[in-house]
Amino acid sequence: MAHVIQIESTRAKAGFSRLPSEAAVNDLAITKHGAIEAYVLSPSRYRRLIALDLAGAEPLQRLEAEFHELVAGMQTPEHAAAADRLATDSLENILAGGAGPNAAVPKRSGRAAGR
């Protein structure tokens, strides 16, 4: 486990470019007037802490967090625009094809529409 080193905020500010390399070896606690204001951690240490936090969560909460992480990773501007169209347009307009050629919901016809 990494050792926590306290650094006064003015010193951290002056040596900001060195903080990532120091955080790779030790966790850093940035202090202001003796009180901890922030921590600087390496990416791997941060991921381990998040994993530990999620491991203690209820199974449904853990799955929800994983789901939101996956969804966030799949979002593109096109996906966001389609979701906005679905959220703001009427169902009738979407089903009629009024949401544009990239509509997320295809027009229904024939047996699929119950005819």
Protein backbone atom coordinates (compact mmCIF):
# COMPACT_ATOMS: atom_id res chain seq x y z
CA MET A 1 0.00 0.00 0.00
CA ALA A 2 1.22 3.47 -0.83
CA HIS A 3 2.32 5.85 1.89
CA VAL A 4 0.37 9.13 2.22
CA ILE A 5 2.51 12.26 2.05
CA GLN A 6 1.06 15.62 3.03
CA ILE A 7 1.99 18.60 0.85
CA GLU A 8 0.98 22.20 1.53
CA SER A 9 -1.14 23.58 -1.34
CA THR A 10 1.31 26.38 -2.19
CA ARG A 11 4.14 23.83 -2.54
CA ALA A 12 1.88 21.52 -4.59
CA LYS A 13 0.96 24.40 -6.87
CA ALA A 14 4.60 25.37 -7.40
CA GLY A 15 5.57 21.76 -8.21
CA PHE A 16 2.37 20.72 -9.96
CA SER A 17 4.15 19.05 -12.88
CA ARG A 18 5.92 16.67 -10.46
CA LEU A 19 2.74 15.54 -8.67
CA PRO A 20 1.85 12.68 -11.08
CA SER A 21 5.28 11.06 -10.78
CA GLU A 22 5.19 11.38 -6.99
CA ALA A 23 1.61 10.00 -6.91
CA ALA A 24 2.85 6.93 -8.79
CA VAL A 25 4.86 6.06 -5.65
CA ASN A 26 2.88 7.66 -2.80
CA ASP A 27 -0.64 8.94 -2.27
CA LEU A 28 -0.56 12.71 -1.78
CA ALA A 29 -2.71 14.71 0.63
CA ILE A 30 -2.85 18.37 -0.36
CA THR A 31 -3.29 20.55 2.73
CA LYS A 32 -4.27 24.13 3.32
CA HIS A 33 -3.62 25.58 6.79
CA GLY A 34 -3.02 22.05 8.05
CA ALA A 35 -6.38 20.63 6.83
CA ILE A 36 -6.53 18.11 4.00
CA GLU A 37 -8.24 19.69 0.99
CA ALA A 38 -7.63 17.06 -1.71
CA TYR A 39 -5.84 13.83 -2.57
CA VAL A 40 -3.71 13.02 -5.60
CA LEU A 41 -3.61 9.33 -6.52
CA SER A 42 -2.16 7.33 -9.37
CA PRO A 43 -4.72 6.03 -11.89
CA SER A 44 -4.12 2.43 -10.77
CA ARG A 45 -4.62 3.34 -7.09
CA TYR A 46 -7.83 5.21 -7.97
CA ARG A 47 -9.18 2.19 -9.91
CA ARG A 48 -8.38 -0.13 -6.98
CA LEU A 49 -10.21 2.15 -4.55
CA ILE A 50 -13.23 2.37 -6.83
CA ALA A 51 -13.24 -1.42 -7.21
CA LEU A 52 -13.11 -1.83 -3.43
CA ASP A 53 -15.94 0.65 -3.02
CA LEU A 54 -18.08 -1.17 -5.59
CA ALA A 55 -17.26 -4.54 -4.03
CA GLY A 56 -18.87 -3.34 -0.81
CA ALA A 57 -22.00 -2.08 -2.57
CA GLU A 58 -25.18 -4.07 -2.83
CA PRO A 59 -25.22 -6.31 -5.93
CA LEU A 60 -27.92 -4.23 -7.64
CA GLN A 61 -26.02 -1.00 -7.01
CA ARG A 62 -22.85 -2.57 -8.38
CA LEU A 63 -24.67 -3.74 -11.52
CA GLU A 64 -26.26 -0.32 -11.93
CA ALA A 65 -22.86 1.36 -11.70
CA GLU A 66 -21.41 -1.05 -14.28
CA PHE A 67 -24.42 -0.47 -16.54
CA HIS A 68 -24.04 3.32 -16.40
CA GLU A 69 -20.32 3.00 -17.08
CA LEU A 70 -20.99 0.84 -20.15
CA VAL A 71 -23.71 3.17 -21.43
CA ALA A 72 -21.47 6.21 -20.97
CA GLY A 73 -18.74 4.47 -22.97
CA MET A 74 -21.12 3.78 -25.85
CA GLN A 75 -22.56 7.28 -26.14
CA THR A 76 -21.79 9.23 -29.29
CA PRO A 77 -23.22 12.55 -30.43
CA GLU A 78 -25.46 10.59 -32.85
CA HIS A 79 -26.80 8.42 -30.02
CA ALA A 80 -27.46 11.47 -27.86
CA ALA A 81 -29.31 13.21 -30.71
CA ALA A 82 -31.47 10.13 -31.32
CA ALA A 83 -32.27 9.86 -27.61
CA ASP A 84 -33.20 13.55 -27.54
CA ARG A 85 -35.51 13.04 -30.52
CA LEU A 86 -37.16 10.08 -28.82
CA ALA A 87 -37.59 12.02 -25.59
CA THR A 88 -39.06 15.12 -27.20
CA ASP A 89 -41.03 13.84 -30.20
CA SER A 90 -44.48 12.29 -30.06
CA LEU A 91 -44.81 8.52 -30.44
CA GLU A 92 -47.06 8.98 -33.46
CA ASN A 93 -44.49 11.17 -35.22
CA ILE A 94 -41.67 8.74 -34.45
CA LEU A 95 -43.66 5.74 -35.70
CA ALA A 96 -44.64 7.70 -38.80
CA GLY A 97 -40.96 8.30 -39.54
CA GLY A 98 -41.04 11.96 -38.54
CA ALA A 99 -37.95 11.61 -36.39
CA GLY A 100 -35.72 11.52 -39.45
CA PRO A 101 -33.83 8.81 -41.33
CA ASN A 102 -31.71 7.91 -38.28
CA ALA A 103 -34.68 7.37 -35.97
CA ALA A 104 -34.01 4.75 -33.34
CA VAL A 105 -37.53 3.28 -33.67
CA PRO A 106 -38.38 1.89 -37.12
CA LYS A 107 -41.79 2.34 -38.70
CA ARG A 108 -44.10 -0.59 -38.05
CA SER A 109 -46.10 -2.15 -40.83
CA GLY A 110 -48.06 -5.28 -41.72
CA ARG A 111 -48.21 -8.10 -39.16
CA ALA A 112 -45.64 -6.44 -36.90
CA ALA A 113 -48.09 -3.60 -36.37
CA GLY A 114 -50.92 -6.00 -35.59
CA ARG A 115 -52.70 -5.63 -38.93
